[in-house]
Structures are given as C-alpha cells and as structure tokens.
C-alpha cells in the first residue's frame, strides 16, 4: 500500500500559518506563545519531510526487492 507523496500544499500551509503567527506577536498573541506555536509548526514540517524521505527510501528498497525476484 502506497500513500503517495506528501502534497506540497501541506508544508506551504504550515509555513503560511507560521508567518501569520509571527505577525500576531505584537497584536493578539503573547510573544512567547507565538514563538512556541511557531516552533511546533517547524517541528511538524520537519517531521513531514522526514516521513517523505523514509517513504522514498522504503519505495526504493521495495523496488529493489521486486527487481531481484
């Protein structure tokens, strides 16, 4: 079963949300809270990238197994 690649729109939407939160720091959201949320968003983006890399590596390994059969 293949889930396919992570759509770029997910990471783009997370990046956009991070920048919107950064712009709120002086307005509606305390600076520390906005920074913490921004860090969480960055961690999610990094995790998505790691998952995409692991998926590609797994597909390569499985493809190599199919070729050797």
N, C-alpha and C. Protein backbone atom coordinates (compact mmCIF):
# COMPACT_ATOMS: atom_id res chain seq x y z
N UNK A 1 0.85 -1.19 0.00
CA UNK A 1 0.00 0.00 0.00
C UNK A 1 0.88 1.24 0.00
N UNK A 2 0.65 2.12 -0.92
CA UNK A 2 1.42 3.35 -1.01
C UNK A 2 0.52 4.54 -0.71
N UNK A 3 1.00 5.40 0.16
CA UNK A 3 0.22 6.59 0.49
C UNK A 3 0.52 7.73 -0.45
N UNK A 4 1.58 7.61 -1.22
CA UNK A 4 1.95 8.67 -2.14
C UNK A 4 2.71 9.78 -1.43
N UNK A 5 3.21 10.71 -2.19
CA UNK A 5 3.99 11.80 -1.60
C UNK A 5 3.11 12.74 -0.78
N UNK A 6 3.76 13.41 0.15
CA UNK A 6 3.06 14.42 0.95
C UNK A 6 2.82 15.62 0.04
N UNK A 7 1.57 16.02 -0.12
CA UNK A 7 1.28 17.15 -1.01
C UNK A 7 2.01 18.41 -0.55
N UNK A 8 2.64 19.14 -1.47
CA UNK A 8 3.36 20.35 -1.12
C UNK A 8 2.48 21.37 -0.40
N UNK A 9 1.19 21.32 -0.65
CA UNK A 9 0.31 22.33 -0.05
C UNK A 9 0.31 22.23 1.48
N UNK A 10 0.56 21.01 2.02
CA UNK A 10 0.59 20.88 3.48
C UNK A 10 1.73 21.69 4.08
N UNK A 11 2.92 21.53 3.53
CA UNK A 11 4.05 22.29 4.07
C UNK A 11 3.91 23.77 3.76
N UNK A 12 3.33 24.11 2.61
CA UNK A 12 3.12 25.52 2.28
C UNK A 12 2.13 26.16 3.25
N UNK A 13 1.05 25.42 3.59
CA UNK A 13 0.06 25.96 4.53
C UNK A 13 0.66 26.12 5.92
N UNK A 14 1.50 25.18 6.34
CA UNK A 14 2.16 25.30 7.64
C UNK A 14 3.09 26.51 7.67
N UNK A 15 3.81 26.71 6.58
CA UNK A 15 4.72 27.87 6.51
C UNK A 15 3.92 29.18 6.58
N UNK A 16 2.82 29.22 5.84
CA UNK A 16 1.97 30.42 5.86
C UNK A 16 1.42 30.66 7.27
N UNK A 17 0.98 29.61 7.93
CA UNK A 17 0.47 29.75 9.30
C UNK A 17 1.56 30.26 10.24
N UNK A 18 2.76 29.75 10.08
CA UNK A 18 3.88 30.19 10.92
C UNK A 18 4.12 31.69 10.76
N UNK A 19 4.09 32.17 9.53
CA UNK A 19 4.32 33.60 9.30
C UNK A 19 3.16 34.45 9.81
N UNK A 20 1.93 33.95 9.70
CA UNK A 20 0.79 34.68 10.26
C UNK A 20 0.91 34.78 11.77
N UNK A 21 1.34 33.71 12.40
CA UNK A 21 1.54 33.74 13.85
C UNK A 21 2.63 34.73 14.23
N UNK A 22 3.69 34.77 13.44
CA UNK A 22 4.78 35.71 13.72
C UNK A 22 4.28 37.15 13.65
N UNK A 23 3.36 37.43 12.74
CA UNK A 23 2.83 38.79 12.62
C UNK A 23 1.89 39.15 13.77
N UNK A 24 1.37 38.15 14.47
CA UNK A 24 0.46 38.40 15.59
C UNK A 24 1.18 38.71 16.88
N UNK A 25 2.47 38.50 16.94
CA UNK A 25 3.20 38.62 18.19
C UNK A 25 2.92 39.92 18.94
N UNK A 26 2.83 41.02 18.26
CA UNK A 26 2.59 42.28 18.94
C UNK A 26 1.13 42.62 19.09
N UNK A 27 0.25 41.85 18.48
CA UNK A 27 -1.17 42.19 18.44
C UNK A 27 -1.99 41.38 19.44
N UNK A 28 -2.42 40.21 19.04
CA UNK A 28 -3.37 39.44 19.82
C UNK A 28 -2.76 38.29 20.60
N UNK A 29 -1.56 37.89 20.29
CA UNK A 29 -0.96 36.70 20.87
C UNK A 29 0.32 37.09 21.60
N UNK A 30 0.48 36.63 22.85
CA UNK A 30 1.74 36.91 23.55
C UNK A 30 2.93 36.36 22.77
N UNK A 31 4.02 37.08 22.81
CA UNK A 31 5.21 36.73 22.04
C UNK A 31 5.69 35.32 22.33
N UNK A 32 5.74 34.95 23.59
CA UNK A 32 6.24 33.61 23.95
C UNK A 32 5.33 32.53 23.38
N UNK A 33 4.03 32.76 23.41
CA UNK A 33 3.10 31.78 22.89
C UNK A 33 3.23 31.66 21.37
N UNK A 34 3.35 32.78 20.69
CA UNK A 34 3.52 32.76 19.23
C UNK A 34 4.82 32.04 18.86
N UNK A 35 5.89 32.28 19.61
CA UNK A 35 7.16 31.60 19.34
C UNK A 35 7.04 30.11 19.56
N UNK A 36 6.35 29.71 20.62
CA UNK A 36 6.18 28.28 20.89
C UNK A 36 5.37 27.61 19.79
N UNK A 37 4.32 28.26 19.34
CA UNK A 37 3.50 27.70 18.26
C UNK A 37 4.31 27.63 16.97
N UNK A 38 5.09 28.66 16.70
CA UNK A 38 5.95 28.65 15.52
C UNK A 38 6.95 27.50 15.56
N UNK A 39 7.50 27.23 16.74
CA UNK A 39 8.44 26.11 16.88
C UNK A 39 7.74 24.78 16.64
N UNK A 40 6.52 24.65 17.12
CA UNK A 40 5.75 23.43 16.88
C UNK A 40 5.47 23.23 15.40
N UNK A 41 5.12 24.31 14.71
CA UNK A 41 4.86 24.22 13.27
C UNK A 41 6.13 23.81 12.53
N UNK A 42 7.26 24.37 12.94
CA UNK A 42 8.52 23.99 12.30
C UNK A 42 8.82 22.51 12.54
N UNK A 43 8.52 22.03 13.74
CA UNK A 43 8.74 20.62 14.05
C UNK A 43 7.84 19.72 13.19
N UNK A 44 6.60 20.14 12.99
CA UNK A 44 5.67 19.37 12.15
C UNK A 44 6.20 19.32 10.71
N UNK A 45 6.65 20.45 10.20
CA UNK A 45 7.17 20.49 8.83
C UNK A 45 8.38 19.57 8.70
N UNK A 46 9.28 19.60 9.70
CA UNK A 46 10.45 18.74 9.67
C UNK A 46 10.03 17.27 9.70
N UNK A 47 9.06 16.94 10.52
CA UNK A 47 8.56 15.57 10.60
C UNK A 47 7.97 15.12 9.25
N UNK A 48 7.21 16.00 8.60
CA UNK A 48 6.66 15.66 7.28
C UNK A 48 7.76 15.40 6.26
N UNK A 49 8.81 16.21 6.31
CA UNK A 49 9.94 15.99 5.39
C UNK A 49 10.62 14.67 5.67
N UNK A 50 10.78 14.33 6.97
CA UNK A 50 11.41 13.07 7.34
C UNK A 50 10.56 11.88 6.87
N UNK A 51 9.25 11.99 7.06
CA UNK A 51 8.35 10.93 6.60
C UNK A 51 8.43 10.75 5.08
N UNK A 52 8.50 11.85 4.35
CA UNK A 52 8.60 11.77 2.90
C UNK A 52 9.91 11.07 2.49
N UNK A 53 11.00 11.38 3.17
CA UNK A 53 12.28 10.74 2.87
C UNK A 53 12.21 9.25 3.20
N UNK A 54 11.65 8.90 4.34
CA UNK A 54 11.53 7.50 4.70
C UNK A 54 10.65 6.74 3.70
N UNK A 55 9.60 7.37 3.23
CA UNK A 55 8.72 6.74 2.25
C UNK A 55 9.48 6.46 0.96
N UNK A 56 10.27 7.46 0.50
CA UNK A 56 11.05 7.26 -0.73
C UNK A 56 12.07 6.14 -0.55
N UNK A 57 12.74 6.11 0.62
CA UNK A 57 13.72 5.06 0.87
C UNK A 57 13.05 3.68 0.89
N UNK A 58 11.89 3.59 1.51
CA UNK A 58 11.17 2.32 1.55
C UNK A 58 10.74 1.89 0.15
N UNK A 59 10.25 2.84 -0.65
CA UNK A 59 9.88 2.51 -2.02
C UNK A 59 11.08 2.02 -2.82
N UNK A 60 12.25 2.65 -2.60
CA UNK A 60 13.46 2.21 -3.30
C UNK A 60 13.83 0.79 -2.89
N UNK A 61 13.75 0.50 -1.58
CA UNK A 61 14.08 -0.85 -1.11
C UNK A 61 13.10 -1.87 -1.65
N UNK A 62 11.82 -1.55 -1.62
CA UNK A 62 10.82 -2.48 -2.13
C UNK A 62 10.95 -2.66 -3.64
N UNK A 63 11.29 -1.58 -4.33
CA UNK A 63 11.51 -1.68 -5.77
C UNK A 63 12.70 -2.59 -6.07
N UNK A 64 13.72 -2.52 -5.25
CA UNK A 64 14.89 -3.39 -5.42
C UNK A 64 14.56 -4.84 -5.16
N UNK A 65 13.65 -5.08 -4.22
CA UNK A 65 13.23 -6.46 -3.94
C UNK A 65 12.44 -7.03 -5.12
N UNK A 66 11.57 -6.19 -5.72
CA UNK A 66 10.79 -6.64 -6.87
C UNK A 66 11.69 -6.98 -8.04
N UNK A 67 12.73 -6.19 -8.25
CA UNK A 67 13.64 -6.40 -9.37
C UNK A 67 14.46 -7.67 -9.18
N UNK A 68 14.73 -8.03 -7.92
CA UNK A 68 15.52 -9.21 -7.65
C UNK A 68 14.72 -10.49 -7.65
N UNK A 69 13.41 -10.41 -7.74
CA UNK A 69 12.57 -11.62 -7.70
C UNK A 69 12.58 -12.37 -9.00
